[in-house]
PDB file of N, CA and C in Angstrom:
ATOM      1  N   UNK A   1      22.235   8.118  20.421  1.00  0.00           N
ATOM      2  CA  UNK A   1      20.984   8.259  21.016  1.00  0.00           C
ATOM      3  C   UNK A   1      19.827   9.173  20.024  1.00  0.00           C
ATOM      4  N   UNK A   2      20.551  10.232  19.803  1.00  0.00           N
ATOM      5  CA  UNK A   2      19.449  10.864  18.920  1.00  0.00           C
ATOM      6  C   UNK A   2      18.936  10.056  17.523  1.00  0.00           C
ATOM      7  N   UNK A   3      19.899   8.982  17.229  1.00  0.00           N
ATOM      8  CA  UNK A   3      19.725   8.492  15.825  1.00  0.00           C
ATOM      9  C   UNK A   3      18.593   7.302  16.294  1.00  0.00           C
ATOM     10  N   UNK A   4      18.778   6.764  17.420  1.00  0.00           N
ATOM     11  CA  UNK A   4      17.503   5.785  17.432  1.00  0.00           C
ATOM     12  C   UNK A   4      16.396   6.338  18.059  1.00  0.00           C
ATOM     13  N   UNK A   5      16.286   7.575  18.677  1.00  0.00           N
ATOM     14  CA  UNK A   5      15.035   8.301  18.433  1.00  0.00           C
ATOM     15  C   UNK A   5      14.274   8.851  17.339  1.00  0.00           C
ATOM     16  N   UNK A   6      15.421   9.191  16.251  1.00  0.00           N
ATOM     17  CA  UNK A   6      14.809   9.305  14.982  1.00  0.00           C
ATOM     18  C   UNK A   6      14.383   8.090  14.100  1.00  0.00           C
ATOM     19  N   UNK A   7      14.941   6.999  14.645  1.00  0.00           N
ATOM     20  CA  UNK A   7      14.665   5.532  13.597  1.00  0.00           C
ATOM     21  C   UNK A   7      13.126   5.222  14.168  1.00  0.00           C
ATOM     22  N   UNK A   8      12.954   5.577  15.709  1.00  0.00           N
ATOM     23  CA  UNK A   8      11.901   5.147  16.115  1.00  0.00           C
ATOM     24  C   UNK A   8      10.570   6.146  15.596  1.00  0.00           C
ATOM     25  N   UNK A   9      10.883   7.283  15.550  1.00  0.00           N
ATOM     26  CA  UNK A   9       9.869   8.194  15.063  1.00  0.00           C
ATOM     27  C   UNK A   9       9.464   7.781  13.590  1.00  0.00           C
ATOM     28  N   UNK A  10      10.298   7.454  12.902  1.00  0.00           N
ATOM     29  CA  UNK A  10      10.496   7.056  11.287  1.00  0.00           C
ATOM     30  C   UNK A  10       9.502   5.825  11.332  1.00  0.00           C
ATOM     31  N   UNK A  11       9.822   4.844  12.278  1.00  0.00           N
ATOM     32  CA  UNK A  11       9.247   3.532  12.194  1.00  0.00           C
ATOM     33  C   UNK A  11       7.761   3.968  12.244  1.00  0.00           C
ATOM     34  N   UNK A  12       7.463   4.756  13.365  1.00  0.00           N
ATOM     35  CA  UNK A  12       6.204   5.102  13.946  1.00  0.00           C
ATOM     36  C   UNK A  12       5.489   5.835  12.711  1.00  0.00           C
ATOM     37  N   UNK A  13       6.132   6.723  11.841  1.00  0.00           N
ATOM     38  CA  UNK A  13       5.432   7.423  10.775  1.00  0.00           C
ATOM     39  C   UNK A  13       4.906   6.235   9.833  1.00  0.00           C
ATOM     40  N   UNK A  14       6.109   5.345   9.463  1.00  0.00           N
ATOM     41  CA  UNK A  14       5.966   4.229   8.672  1.00  0.00           C
ATOM     42  C   UNK A  14       4.342   3.492   8.771  1.00  0.00           C
ATOM     43  N   UNK A  15       4.457   3.065  10.132  1.00  0.00           N
ATOM     44  CA  UNK A  15       3.256   2.139  10.270  1.00  0.00           C
ATOM     45  C   UNK A  15       2.148   2.926  10.272  1.00  0.00           C
ATOM     46  N   UNK A  16       1.948   4.162  10.624  1.00  0.00           N
ATOM     47  CA  UNK A  16       0.658   5.097  10.489  1.00  0.00           C
ATOM     48  C   UNK A  16       0.339   4.995   8.886  1.00  0.00           C
ATOM     49  N   UNK A  17       1.386   5.454   8.175  1.00  0.00           N
ATOM     50  CA  UNK A  17       0.801   5.486   6.616  1.00  0.00           C
ATOM     51  C   UNK A  17       0.159   4.203   5.974  1.00  0.00           C
ATOM     52  N   UNK A  18       1.282   3.280   6.815  1.00  0.00           N
ATOM     53  CA  UNK A  18       0.842   1.692   6.137  1.00  0.00           C
ATOM     54  C   UNK A  18      -0.639   1.398   6.643  1.00  0.00           C
ATOM     55  N   UNK A  19      -0.973   1.817   7.830  1.00  0.00           N
ATOM     56  CA  UNK A  19      -2.452   1.629   8.176  1.00  0.00           C
ATOM     57  C   UNK A  19      -3.384   2.311   7.318  1.00  0.00           C
ATOM     58  N   UNK A  20      -3.156   3.479   7.359  1.00  0.00           N
ATOM     59  CA  UNK A  20      -3.803   4.479   6.545  1.00  0.00           C
ATOM     60  C   UNK A  20      -4.248   3.668   5.157  1.00  0.00           C
ATOM     61  N   UNK A  21      -2.971   3.325   4.311  1.00  0.00           N
ATOM     62  CA  UNK A  21      -2.968   2.733   3.173  1.00  0.00           C
ATOM     63  C   UNK A  21      -4.032   1.495   3.168  1.00  0.00           C
ATOM     64  N   UNK A  22      -3.754   0.642   4.025  1.00  0.00           N
ATOM     65  CA  UNK A  22      -4.705  -0.438   4.461  1.00  0.00           C
ATOM     66  C   UNK A  22      -6.287  -0.234   4.695  1.00  0.00           C
ATOM     67  N   UNK A  23      -6.483   0.691   5.193  1.00  0.00           N
ATOM     68  CA  UNK A  23      -7.967   1.094   5.493  1.00  0.00           C
ATOM     69  C   UNK A  23      -8.435   1.766   4.142  1.00  0.00           C
ATOM     70  N   UNK A  24      -7.657   2.549   3.200  1.00  0.00           N
ATOM     71  CA  UNK A  24      -8.063   2.651   2.204  1.00  0.00           C
ATOM     72  C   UNK A  24      -8.675   1.881   1.223  1.00  0.00           C
ATOM     73  N   UNK A  25      -7.609   0.834   1.156  1.00  0.00           N
ATOM     74  CA  UNK A  25      -7.860  -0.153   0.381  1.00  0.00           C
ATOM     75  C   UNK A  25      -8.698  -1.168   0.487  1.00  0.00           C
ATOM     76  N   UNK A  26      -9.165  -1.175   1.921  1.00  0.00           N
ATOM     77  CA  UNK A  26     -10.263  -2.100   2.449  1.00  0.00           C
ATOM     78  C   UNK A  26     -11.600  -1.566   1.906  1.00  0.00           C
ATOM     79  N   UNK A  27     -11.368  -0.151   1.845  1.00  0.00           N
ATOM     80  CA  UNK A  27     -13.170   0.560   1.551  1.00  0.00           C
ATOM     81  C   UNK A  27     -13.194   0.220   0.013  1.00  0.00           C
ATOM     82  N   UNK A  28     -12.468  -0.310  -0.834  1.00  0.00           N
ATOM     83  CA  UNK A  28     -12.880  -0.365  -2.161  1.00  0.00           C
ATOM     84  C   UNK A  28     -12.278   0.958  -3.102  1.00  0.00           C
ATOM     85  N   UNK A  29     -12.832   0.921  -4.381  1.00  0.00           N
ATOM     86  CA  UNK A  29     -12.450   1.737  -5.470  1.00  0.00           C
ATOM     87  C   UNK A  29     -13.260   2.820  -5.199  1.00  0.00           C
ATOM     88  N   UNK A  30     -12.692   4.145  -5.519  1.00  0.00           N
ATOM     89  CA  UNK A  30     -13.711   5.291  -5.416  1.00  0.00           C
ATOM     90  C   UNK A  30     -14.755   5.480  -6.510  1.00  0.00           C
ATOM     91  N   UNK A  31     -15.712   6.160  -6.025  1.00  0.00           N
ATOM     92  CA  UNK A  31     -16.921   5.999  -6.862  1.00  0.00           C
ATOM     93  C   UNK A  31     -16.694   6.684  -8.107  1.00  0.00           C
ATOM     94  N   UNK A  32     -17.314   6.456  -9.254  1.00  0.00           N
ATOM     95  CA  UNK A  32     -17.060   7.125 -10.717  1.00  0.00           C
ATOM     96  C   UNK A  32     -17.060   8.557 -10.612  1.00  0.00           C
ATOM     97  N   UNK A  33     -17.978   8.921  -9.650  1.00  0.00           N
ATOM     98  CA  UNK A  33     -17.846  10.592  -9.838  1.00  0.00           C
ATOM     99  C   UNK A  33     -16.571  11.125  -9.328  1.00  0.00           C
ATOM    100  N   UNK A  34     -16.096  10.560  -8.215  1.00  0.00           N
ATOM    101  CA  UNK A  34     -14.924  11.215  -7.653  1.00  0.00           C
ATOM    102  C   UNK A  34     -13.480  10.851  -8.788  1.00  0.00           C
ATOM    103  N   UNK A  35     -13.590   9.660  -9.341  1.00  0.00           N
ATOM    104  CA  UNK A  35     -12.504   9.358 -10.366  1.00  0.00           C
ATOM    105  C   UNK A  35     -12.550  10.113 -11.581  1.00  0.00           C
ATOM    106  N   UNK A  36     -13.608  10.713 -11.719  1.00  0.00           N
ATOM    107  CA  UNK A  36     -13.779  11.665 -13.205  1.00  0.00           C
ATOM    108  C   UNK A  36     -13.279  12.881 -13.251  1.00  0.00           C
ATOM    109  N   UNK A  37     -12.606  13.453 -11.928  1.00  0.00           N
ATOM    110  CA  UNK A  37     -12.456  14.798 -11.959  1.00  0.00           C
ATOM    111  C   UNK A  37     -10.941  14.837 -12.470  1.00  0.00           C
TER     112      UNK A  37
END
């Protein structure tokens, strides 16, 4: 039962990370000012 809960939490975390990555990619490339650091 604990393994099922752990799997559920890991899947939720990965889904959140995937959403953040997709949103970041949709916003386009970083500005030259921020990429020059």
